[in-house]
Amino acid sequence: MSWKGLRHKGREILFPEEWNAVVDALDELHAGMVILVDAFKPVSDRKSITASENTEGLELVLKTDGRPNLNVYYDLGGPGEVRVEVSTDGSTWREIDVITLEAAAKDVVIYTGVAYHYVRVRVPTTGIDVELEAVASR
């Protein structure tokens, strides 16, 4: 017998309440599959700022929902710092990396095993062009 109270049938009439239970079960399975598929889709965000607009630095916050694989792209138009931080609640941050650049540079840094629900990438340096992108996946 199934979780819907259905049993295997031979050549018997399928009553409406039985058919409705089958349809309900299929709807539940479909909803579960959608949730599961969405959990495996990557999430990402991107921000940029020009040197003339950059008076306070740039910050990017990504809600990862625990996706442990993180790619961080940065492109700085001059010397500066890229700080990568994590949080369980989006308000208390823990630093996991600081990238210090002596000149303009761009790169992608890959982090694995980062199961925090939020990641913040920030460049406190002002007066330079900055582009940030973060992608999290399972």
Foldseek 3Di string as FASTA:
>chain_A
DDPLPDDDDDPDDQDPVNVVSVVVVVVVVVVVVVVVVVLFDKDKDKDKDALVRFPFWDKDKDQGQQQFKKKKKKWKQFWFKKWKWADQPVPDTDTDDIDTGHTTDIDIDIGGRRRHRMMMIIIRDHRIIMMMMMMGGD
